[in-house]
Protein backbone atom coordinates (compact mmCIF):
# COMPACT_ATOMS: atom_id res chain seq x y z
CA MET A 1 114.30 62.94 106.32
CA GLY A 2 117.08 61.79 108.10
CA ASP A 3 118.75 58.90 105.30
CA ASP A 4 118.16 61.83 102.29
CA PRO A 5 121.65 63.58 101.67
CA HIS A 6 119.80 66.46 100.06
CA HIS A 7 117.88 67.54 103.43
CA ARG A 8 121.35 66.40 106.00
CA VAL A 9 121.29 69.61 108.23
CA ILE A 10 125.21 70.90 108.92
CA PRO A 11 125.13 73.07 112.22
CA VAL A 12 126.36 76.79 112.07
CA SER A 13 127.07 78.19 115.46
CA PRO A 14 125.37 81.82 115.31
CA LYS A 15 128.03 83.22 117.78
CA ALA A 16 131.12 81.99 114.71
CA GLY A 17 131.74 86.02 114.30
CA GLY A 18 132.98 85.35 110.76
CA GLY A 19 136.14 82.98 112.01
CA GLU A 20 137.51 80.44 110.19
CA ALA A 21 134.80 77.25 111.40
CA GLY A 22 131.86 79.67 111.00
CA SER A 23 133.30 80.69 107.60
CA ASP A 24 133.99 76.52 106.70
CA ALA A 25 130.23 75.71 107.52
CA VAL A 26 128.82 78.42 106.10
CA LYS A 27 130.81 77.51 102.46
CA LYS A 28 129.68 73.87 102.76
CA VAL A 29 126.11 74.96 103.45
CA LEU A 30 126.02 76.85 100.42
CA GLU A 31 127.97 74.32 98.34
CA LYS A 32 125.79 72.23 99.39
CA MET A 33 122.50 74.37 98.59
CA ASP A 34 124.28 74.43 95.29
CA ASN A 35 124.97 71.28 93.98
CA ALA A 36 121.76 69.66 95.31
CA SER A 37 119.18 68.10 92.55
CA PHE A 38 115.81 71.08 92.34
CA SER A 39 113.61 69.87 94.96
CA LEU A 40 110.18 70.91 96.05
CA TYR A 41 112.87 72.08 99.29
CA HIS A 42 114.19 74.81 96.41
CA VAL A 43 110.16 75.36 95.60
CA LYS A 44 109.19 76.25 99.24
CA ILE A 45 112.52 78.13 99.83
CA ILE A 46 112.19 80.69 96.77
CA ILE A 47 107.69 80.96 98.28
CA ILE A 48 108.87 82.22 101.05
CA SER A 49 111.55 84.50 99.76
CA GLY A 50 109.27 85.58 97.93
CA MET A 51 106.70 86.04 100.08
CA GLY A 52 108.92 88.00 102.56
CA PHE A 53 109.43 90.48 99.80
CA PHE A 54 105.85 90.60 98.88
CA THR A 55 105.28 91.72 102.50
CA ASP A 56 107.88 94.77 102.93
CA SER A 57 107.24 96.17 99.86
CA TYR A 58 103.14 96.17 99.92
CA ASP A 59 103.80 98.35 102.68
CA LEU A 60 105.28 100.73 100.75
CA PHE A 61 103.58 99.73 97.47
CA CYS A 62 100.19 101.05 98.32
CA ILE A 63 100.95 104.13 100.62
CA SER A 64 100.02 105.92 97.47
CA LEU A 65 96.66 104.37 97.50
CA LEU A 66 96.03 104.92 100.88
CA THR A 67 97.10 108.77 100.75
CA ARG A 68 93.82 109.03 98.19
CA LEU A 69 92.04 107.39 99.90
CA ILE A 70 92.57 109.32 103.70
CA GLY A 71 92.82 112.56 101.28
CA ARG A 72 88.31 111.67 100.02
CA VAL A 73 87.48 110.37 103.99
CA TYR A 74 89.56 113.69 105.64
CA TYR A 75 89.30 116.33 103.12
CA GLN A 76 85.71 115.96 101.52
CA ASP A 77 84.03 118.70 102.68
CA ASN A 78 87.05 120.96 103.80
CA PRO A 79 89.32 121.75 100.63
CA PHE A 80 92.60 122.79 99.98
CA TYR A 81 93.82 125.35 97.57
CA PHE A 82 96.62 124.87 95.25
CA ASN A 83 97.87 127.70 92.58
CA GLY A 84 94.78 128.49 92.93
CA THR A 85 92.28 125.93 92.37
CA VAL A 86 90.67 124.35 94.76
CA ASN A 87 91.31 120.21 95.48
CA PRO A 88 88.26 118.75 97.35
CA GLY A 89 88.92 115.50 98.23
CA LYS A 90 92.74 115.51 97.68
CA LEU A 91 95.56 115.85 100.82
CA PRO A 92 97.69 118.33 100.46
CA ILE A 93 100.71 118.03 98.77
CA ASN A 94 103.07 118.92 102.73
CA ILE A 95 101.22 115.58 104.45
CA ASP A 96 100.72 113.22 101.28
CA VAL A 97 104.78 113.70 101.76
CA SER A 98 104.93 113.76 105.08
CA LEU A 99 103.05 109.92 104.87
CA SER A 100 105.01 109.08 102.54
CA ALA A 101 108.04 109.52 104.08
CA VAL A 102 107.10 108.24 108.08
CA ALA A 103 106.27 104.94 106.01
CA LEU A 104 110.26 104.82 104.38
CA CYS A 105 111.67 105.74 107.89
CA GLY A 106 109.26 103.18 109.87
CA THR A 107 110.78 100.58 107.32
CA LEU A 108 114.17 101.49 107.68
CA GLY A 109 113.79 102.34 111.30
CA GLY A 110 111.88 98.77 111.61
CA GLN A 111 114.59 97.20 109.81
CA LEU A 112 117.14 98.00 111.77
CA PHE A 113 115.42 97.63 115.38
CA PHE A 114 114.02 93.86 114.29
CA GLY A 115 117.02 93.76 112.36
CA ALA A 116 119.09 94.05 116.25
CA ILE A 117 116.29 91.97 117.79
CA GLY A 118 116.54 89.63 115.72
CA ASP A 119 121.00 88.53 115.99
CA LEU A 120 120.77 89.23 119.70
CA CYS A 121 117.29 86.84 120.59
CA GLY A 122 117.46 84.89 117.33
CA ARG A 123 114.78 85.09 114.08
CA LYS A 124 112.63 82.80 115.47
CA SER A 125 111.54 84.78 118.46
CA ALA A 126 111.95 88.15 116.51
CA PHE A 127 109.45 86.91 113.75
CA GLY A 128 107.11 86.15 116.65
CA VAL A 129 107.39 89.40 118.15
CA THR A 130 106.94 91.12 114.63
CA LEU A 131 103.45 88.72 114.23
CA ALA A 132 102.33 89.39 117.51
CA ILE A 133 102.36 92.78 116.92
CA MET A 134 100.80 93.15 113.70
CA ILE A 135 98.31 90.83 114.20
CA PHE A 136 97.69 93.01 117.50
CA CYS A 137 97.65 96.20 115.03
CA ALA A 138 95.10 94.31 112.86
CA VAL A 139 92.57 93.38 115.47
CA ALA A 140 92.92 97.02 116.83
CA GLN A 141 91.69 98.26 113.63
CA VAL A 142 89.12 96.83 113.33
CA CYS A 143 87.70 97.15 116.96
CA ASP A 144 87.82 101.70 115.77
CA LEU A 145 85.50 102.55 118.71
CA SER A 146 85.28 106.40 116.87
CA LYS A 147 82.59 105.89 115.76
């Protein structure tokens, strides 16, 4: 990999701050990527980018399904009334909308917070922290002791 001209590493200082040296280095990196022949490296970049979009958007796409499940679990025996009709197994509108809004606000807050952490501590460190939080929360969810 060291002799392959398509896989050379061009050092880019993260502290360049938009100066001439930093912007020239970024332009060189982008030019190398544009002029490189198609390889497995490009496939890897496409898959990584796609998985990033998938993981970010999955939560937002599944929140509507989650609100229906929450309604069936917690509002089956305690229906609410809307326009004079009873709705067993459905969340009240205000709770449904609130859950969706909180999911969007949490996504925005997480992007801003962990983006800043990534800028300060590095992307790998920020990714490791978010991954550890996700693993901890998934295990805590499985080990729910309420029943």
